[in-house]
Amino acid sequence: MNLMEYEKDNIWPTLSNEEKKRRLYEKQKDVLDKFLERGVISKAQYDKSLGDLTEKMGYKR
């Protein structure tokens, strides 16, 4: 069982909607961070994607 499955089975149901939203945001940001670290995307692409994600999720940068 991977971590996401474990979280869904054991933790996810207990989280508030805001906590779920924050965890999803952090997971997406982590993916973008890894893409940038590995050179899969440029800094400009990272900044745009993170900005779009942050805006769509209703967070401020």
PDB file of N, CA and C in Angstrom:
ATOM      1  N   MET A   1       0.858  -1.171   0.000  1.00  0.00           N
ATOM      2  CA  MET A   1       0.000   0.000   0.000  1.00  0.00           C
ATOM      3  C   MET A   1       0.903   1.233   0.000  1.00  0.00           C
ATOM      4  N   ASN A   2       0.638   2.160  -0.932  1.00  0.00           N
ATOM      5  CA  ASN A   2       1.444   3.378  -0.953  1.00  0.00           C
ATOM      6  C   ASN A   2       0.903   4.403   0.050  1.00  0.00           C
ATOM      7  N   LEU A   3       1.662   5.470   0.237  1.00  0.00           N
ATOM      8  CA  LEU A   3       1.306   6.476   1.242  1.00  0.00           C
ATOM      9  C   LEU A   3      -0.055   7.103   0.975  1.00  0.00           C
ATOM     10  N   MET A   4      -0.354   7.401  -0.274  1.00  0.00           N
ATOM     11  CA  MET A   4      -1.638   8.037  -0.587  1.00  0.00           C
ATOM     12  C   MET A   4      -2.799   7.110  -0.228  1.00  0.00           C
ATOM     13  N   GLU A   5      -2.660   5.825  -0.528  1.00  0.00           N
ATOM     14  CA  GLU A   5      -3.716   4.876  -0.158  1.00  0.00           C
ATOM     15  C   GLU A   5      -3.869   4.820   1.358  1.00  0.00           C
ATOM     16  N   TYR A   6      -2.747   4.825   2.067  1.00  0.00           N
ATOM     17  CA  TYR A   6      -2.786   4.793   3.528  1.00  0.00           C
ATOM     18  C   TYR A   6      -3.488   6.038   4.064  1.00  0.00           C
ATOM     19  N   GLU A   7      -3.132   7.193   3.528  1.00  0.00           N
ATOM     20  CA  GLU A   7      -3.766   8.438   3.971  1.00  0.00           C
ATOM     21  C   GLU A   7      -5.269   8.399   3.726  1.00  0.00           C
ATOM     22  N   LYS A   8      -5.662   7.925   2.562  1.00  0.00           N
ATOM     23  CA  LYS A   8      -7.091   7.870   2.253  1.00  0.00           C
ATOM     24  C   LYS A   8      -7.823   6.929   3.199  1.00  0.00           C
ATOM     25  N   ASP A   9      -7.213   5.786   3.464  1.00  0.00           N
ATOM     26  CA  ASP A   9      -7.864   4.788   4.311  1.00  0.00           C
ATOM     27  C   ASP A   9      -7.919   5.209   5.772  1.00  0.00           C
ATOM     28  N   ASN A  10      -6.873   5.844   6.272  1.00  0.00           N
ATOM     29  CA  ASN A  10      -6.759   6.084   7.693  1.00  0.00           C
ATOM     30  C   ASN A  10      -6.917   7.540   8.122  1.00  0.00           C
ATOM     31  N   ILE A  11      -6.501   8.453   7.311  1.00  0.00           N
ATOM     32  CA  ILE A  11      -6.499   9.850   7.704  1.00  0.00           C
ATOM     33  C   ILE A  11      -7.524  10.672   6.915  1.00  0.00           C
ATOM     34  N   TRP A  12      -7.570  10.442   5.637  1.00  0.00           N
ATOM     35  CA  TRP A  12      -8.376  11.272   4.734  1.00  0.00           C
ATOM     36  C   TRP A  12      -9.816  11.486   5.231  1.00  0.00           C
ATOM     37  N   PRO A  13     -10.514  10.450   5.651  1.00  0.00           N
ATOM     38  CA  PRO A  13     -11.911  10.643   6.086  1.00  0.00           C
ATOM     39  C   PRO A  13     -12.058  11.558   7.304  1.00  0.00           C
ATOM     40  N   THR A  14     -10.996  11.700   8.075  1.00  0.00           N
ATOM     41  CA  THR A  14     -11.080  12.514   9.291  1.00  0.00           C
ATOM     42  C   THR A  14     -10.756  13.978   9.047  1.00  0.00           C
ATOM     43  N   LEU A  15     -10.250  14.302   7.874  1.00  0.00           N
ATOM     44  CA  LEU A  15      -9.829  15.671   7.582  1.00  0.00           C
ATOM     45  C   LEU A  15     -11.018  16.546   7.196  1.00  0.00           C
ATOM     46  N   SER A  16     -10.902  17.820   7.528  1.00  0.00           N
ATOM     47  CA  SER A  16     -11.903  18.786   7.068  1.00  0.00           C
ATOM     48  C   SER A  16     -11.675  19.036   5.582  1.00  0.00           C
ATOM     49  N   ASN A  17     -12.644  19.649   4.939  1.00  0.00           N
ATOM     50  CA  ASN A  17     -12.486  19.972   3.516  1.00  0.00           C
ATOM     51  C   ASN A  17     -11.287  20.877   3.289  1.00  0.00           C
ATOM     52  N   GLU A  18     -11.068  21.833   4.187  1.00  0.00           N
ATOM     53  CA  GLU A  18      -9.916  22.736   4.048  1.00  0.00           C
ATOM     54  C   GLU A  18      -8.599  21.976   4.199  1.00  0.00           C
ATOM     55  N   GLU A  19      -8.540  21.031   5.119  1.00  0.00           N
ATOM     56  CA  GLU A  19      -7.328  20.223   5.285  1.00  0.00           C
ATOM     57  C   GLU A  19      -7.077  19.355   4.053  1.00  0.00           C
ATOM     58  N   LYS A  20      -8.124  18.792   3.481  1.00  0.00           N
ATOM     59  CA  LYS A  20      -7.986  18.000   2.251  1.00  0.00           C
ATOM     60  C   LYS A  20      -7.477  18.874   1.117  1.00  0.00           C
ATOM     61  N   LYS A  21      -8.052  20.058   1.004  1.00  0.00           N
ATOM     62  CA  LYS A  21      -7.646  21.005  -0.033  1.00  0.00           C
ATOM     63  C   LYS A  21      -6.167  21.360   0.126  1.00  0.00           C
ATOM     64  N   ARG A  22      -5.733  21.614   1.349  1.00  0.00           N
ATOM     65  CA  ARG A  22      -4.338  21.979   1.614  1.00  0.00           C
ATOM     66  C   ARG A  22      -3.405  20.818   1.271  1.00  0.00           C
ATOM     67  N   ARG A  23      -3.776  19.606   1.628  1.00  0.00           N
ATOM     68  CA  ARG A  23      -2.937  18.439   1.312  1.00  0.00           C
ATOM     69  C   ARG A  23      -2.822  18.227  -0.195  1.00  0.00           C
ATOM     70  N   LEU A  24      -3.916  18.396  -0.908  1.00  0.00           N
ATOM     71  CA  LEU A  24      -3.869  18.265  -2.368  1.00  0.00           C
ATOM     72  C   LEU A  24      -2.963  19.337  -2.974  1.00  0.00           C
ATOM     73  N   TYR A  25      -3.074  20.557  -2.459  1.00  0.00           N
ATOM     74  CA  TYR A  25      -2.218  21.652  -2.930  1.00  0.00           C
ATOM     75  C   TYR A  25      -0.751  21.309  -2.687  1.00  0.00           C
ATOM     76  N   GLU A  26      -0.432  20.854  -1.488  1.00  0.00           N
ATOM     77  CA  GLU A  26       0.957  20.529  -1.148  1.00  0.00           C
ATOM     78  C   GLU A  26       1.491  19.392  -2.018  1.00  0.00           C
ATOM     79  N   LYS A  27       0.667  18.399  -2.308  1.00  0.00           N
ATOM     80  CA  LYS A  27       1.102  17.300  -3.180  1.00  0.00           C
ATOM     81  C   LYS A  27       1.396  17.808  -4.596  1.00  0.00           C
ATOM     82  N   GLN A  28       0.516  18.667  -5.112  1.00  0.00           N
ATOM     83  CA  GLN A  28       0.742  19.217  -6.453  1.00  0.00           C
ATOM     84  C   GLN A  28       1.995  20.089  -6.476  1.00  0.00           C
ATOM     85  N   LYS A  29       2.196  20.879  -5.423  1.00  0.00           N
ATOM     86  CA  LYS A  29       3.385  21.722  -5.339  1.00  0.00           C
ATOM     87  C   LYS A  29       4.630  20.860  -5.279  1.00  0.00           C
ATOM     88  N   ASP A  30       4.583  19.775  -4.540  1.00  0.00           N
ATOM     89  CA  ASP A  30       5.718  18.855  -4.446  1.00  0.00           C
ATOM     90  C   ASP A  30       6.078  18.290  -5.822  1.00  0.00           C
ATOM     91  N   VAL A  31       5.076  17.941  -6.602  1.00  0.00           N
ATOM     92  CA  VAL A  31       5.335  17.444  -7.965  1.00  0.00           C
ATOM     93  C   VAL A  31       6.031  18.527  -8.790  1.00  0.00           C
ATOM     94  N   LEU A  32       5.532  19.746  -8.717  1.00  0.00           N
ATOM     95  CA  LEU A  32       6.167  20.841  -9.451  1.00  0.00           C
ATOM     96  C   LEU A  32       7.605  21.052  -8.981  1.00  0.00           C
ATOM     97  N   ASP A  33       7.831  20.997  -7.668  1.00  0.00           N
ATOM     98  CA  ASP A  33       9.188  21.152  -7.128  1.00  0.00           C
ATOM     99  C   ASP A  33      10.118  20.086  -7.701  1.00  0.00           C
ATOM    100  N   LYS A  34       9.655  18.843  -7.745  1.00  0.00           N
ATOM    101  CA  LYS A  34      10.476  17.748  -8.266  1.00  0.00           C
ATOM    102  C   LYS A  34      10.743  17.917  -9.763  1.00  0.00           C
ATOM    103  N   PHE A  35       9.731  18.347 -10.502  1.00  0.00           N
ATOM    104  CA  PHE A  35       9.937  18.609 -11.935  1.00  0.00           C
ATOM    105  C   PHE A  35      11.015  19.669 -12.133  1.00  0.00           C
ATOM    106  N   LEU A  36      10.955  20.730 -11.346  1.00  0.00           N
ATOM    107  CA  LEU A  36      11.941  21.799 -11.464  1.00  0.00           C
ATOM    108  C   LEU A  36      13.330  21.293 -11.092  1.00  0.00           C
ATOM    109  N   GLU A  37      13.447  20.565  -9.987  1.00  0.00           N
ATOM    110  CA  GLU A  37      14.730  20.019  -9.540  1.00  0.00           C
ATOM    111  C   GLU A  37      15.370  19.130 -10.595  1.00  0.00           C
ATOM    112  N   ARG A  38      14.551  18.377 -11.321  1.00  0.00           N
ATOM    113  CA  ARG A  38      15.074  17.424 -12.307  1.00  0.00           C
ATOM    114  C   ARG A  38      15.207  18.028 -13.704  1.00  0.00           C
ATOM    115  N   GLY A  39      14.859  19.305 -13.835  1.00  0.00           N
ATOM    116  CA  GLY A  39      14.994  19.981 -15.125  1.00  0.00           C
ATOM    117  C   GLY A  39      13.928  19.617 -16.128  1.00  0.00           C
ATOM    118  N   VAL A  40      12.824  19.054 -15.651  1.00  0.00           N
ATOM    119  CA  VAL A  40      11.733  18.666 -16.544  1.00  0.00           C
ATOM    120  C   VAL A  40      10.973  19.906 -17.020  1.00  0.00           C
ATOM    121  N   ILE A  41      10.914  20.917 -16.160  1.00  0.00           N
ATOM    122  CA  ILE A  41      10.281  22.190 -16.514  1.00  0.00           C
ATOM    123  C   ILE A  41      11.244  23.328 -16.181  1.00  0.00           C
ATOM    124  N   SER A  42      11.060  24.441 -16.865  1.00  0.00           N
ATOM    125  CA  SER A  42      11.895  25.613 -16.611  1.00  0.00           C
ATOM    126  C   SER A  42      11.362  26.371 -15.392  1.00  0.00           C
ATOM    127  N   LYS A  43      12.163  27.292 -14.886  1.00  0.00           N
ATOM    128  CA  LYS A  43      11.740  28.126 -13.759  1.00  0.00           C
ATOM    129  C   LYS A  43      10.503  28.940 -14.141  1.00  0.00           C
ATOM    130  N   ALA A  44      10.449  29.414 -15.371  1.00  0.00           N
ATOM    131  CA  ALA A  44       9.283  30.179 -15.834  1.00  0.00           C
ATOM    132  C   ALA A  44       8.028  29.298 -15.841  1.00  0.00           C
ATOM    133  N   GLN A  45       8.167  28.060 -16.318  1.00  0.00           N
ATOM    134  CA  GLN A  45       7.029  27.132 -16.314  1.00  0.00           C
ATOM    135  C   GLN A  45       6.599  26.814 -14.881  1.00  0.00           C
ATOM    136  N   TYR A  46       7.572  26.622 -14.012  1.00  0.00           N
ATOM    137  CA  TYR A  46       7.286  26.347 -12.606  1.00  0.00           C
ATOM    138  C   TYR A  46       6.510  27.511 -11.993  1.00  0.00           C
ATOM    139  N   ASP A  47       7.025  28.722 -12.186  1.00  0.00           N
ATOM    140  CA  ASP A  47       6.373  29.911 -11.612  1.00  0.00           C
ATOM    141  C   ASP A  47       4.946  30.067 -12.125  1.00  0.00           C
ATOM    142  N   LYS A  48       4.735  29.847 -13.413  1.00  0.00           N
ATOM    143  CA  LYS A  48       3.395  29.965 -13.988  1.00  0.00           C
ATOM    144  C   LYS A  48       2.478  28.890 -13.422  1.00  0.00           C
ATOM    145  N   SER A  49       2.950  27.650 -13.409  1.00  0.00           N
ATOM    146  CA  SER A  49       2.126  26.544 -12.921  1.00  0.00           C
ATOM    147  C   SER A  49       1.792  26.702 -11.439  1.00  0.00           C
ATOM    148  N   LEU A  50       2.787  27.075 -10.645  1.00  0.00           N
ATOM    149  CA  LEU A  50       2.541  27.272  -9.218  1.00  0.00           C
ATOM    150  C   LEU A  50       1.593  28.449  -8.996  1.00  0.00           C
ATOM    151  N   GLY A  51       1.766  29.501  -9.758  1.00  0.00           N
ATOM    152  CA  GLY A  51       0.860  30.650  -9.650  1.00  0.00           C
ATOM    153  C   GLY A  51      -0.567  30.276 -10.000  1.00  0.00           C
ATOM    154  N   ASP A  52      -0.730  29.525 -11.080  1.00  0.00           N
ATOM    155  CA  ASP A  52      -2.074  29.085 -11.489  1.00  0.00           C
ATOM    156  C   ASP A  52      -2.688  28.168 -10.429  1.00  0.00           C
ATOM    157  N   LEU A  53      -1.902  27.224  -9.917  1.00  0.00           N
ATOM    158  CA  LEU A  53      -2.388  26.312  -8.889  1.00  0.00           C
ATOM    159  C   LEU A  53      -2.797  27.079  -7.638  1.00  0.00           C
ATOM    160  N   THR A  54      -1.944  27.981  -7.213  1.00  0.00           N
ATOM    161  CA  THR A  54      -2.215  28.765  -6.010  1.00  0.00           C
ATOM    162  C   THR A  54      -3.487  29.583  -6.163  1.00  0.00           C
ATOM    163  N   GLU A  55      -3.638  30.201  -7.313  1.00  0.00           N
ATOM    164  CA  GLU A  55      -4.839  31.015  -7.580  1.00  0.00           C
ATOM    165  C   GLU A  55      -6.092  30.151  -7.611  1.00  0.00           C
ATOM    166  N   LYS A  56      -6.039  29.033  -8.312  1.00  0.00           N
ATOM    167  CA  LYS A  56      -7.199  28.150  -8.433  1.00  0.00           C
ATOM    168  C   LYS A  56      -7.625  27.573  -7.086  1.00  0.00           C
ATOM    169  N   MET A  57      -6.659  27.341  -6.210  1.00  0.00           N
ATOM    170  CA  MET A  57      -6.948  26.784  -4.906  1.00  0.00           C
ATOM    171  C   MET A  57      -7.388  27.868  -3.911  1.00  0.00           C
ATOM    172  N   GLY A  58      -7.271  29.118  -4.330  1.00  0.00           N
ATOM    173  CA  GLY A  58      -7.708  30.225  -3.478  1.00  0.00           C
ATOM    174  C   GLY A  58      -6.693  30.649  -2.439  1.00  0.00           C
ATOM    175  N   TYR A  59      -5.427  30.321  -2.677  1.00  0.00           N
ATOM    176  CA  TYR A  59      -4.372  30.706  -1.749  1.00  0.00           C
ATOM    177  C   TYR A  59      -3.621  31.902  -2.302  1.00  0.00           C
ATOM    178  N   LYS A  60      -2.923  32.586  -1.417  1.00  0.00           N
ATOM    179  CA  LYS A  60      -2.095  33.723  -1.834  1.00  0.00           C
ATOM    180  C   LYS A  60      -0.644  33.310  -1.783  1.00  0.00           C
ATOM    181  N   ARG A  61       0.115  33.848  -2.698  1.00  0.00           N
ATOM    182  CA  ARG A  61       1.554  33.551  -2.742  1.00  0.00           C
ATOM    183  C   ARG A  61       2.321  34.537  -1.919  1.00  0.00           C
TER     184      ARG A  61
END
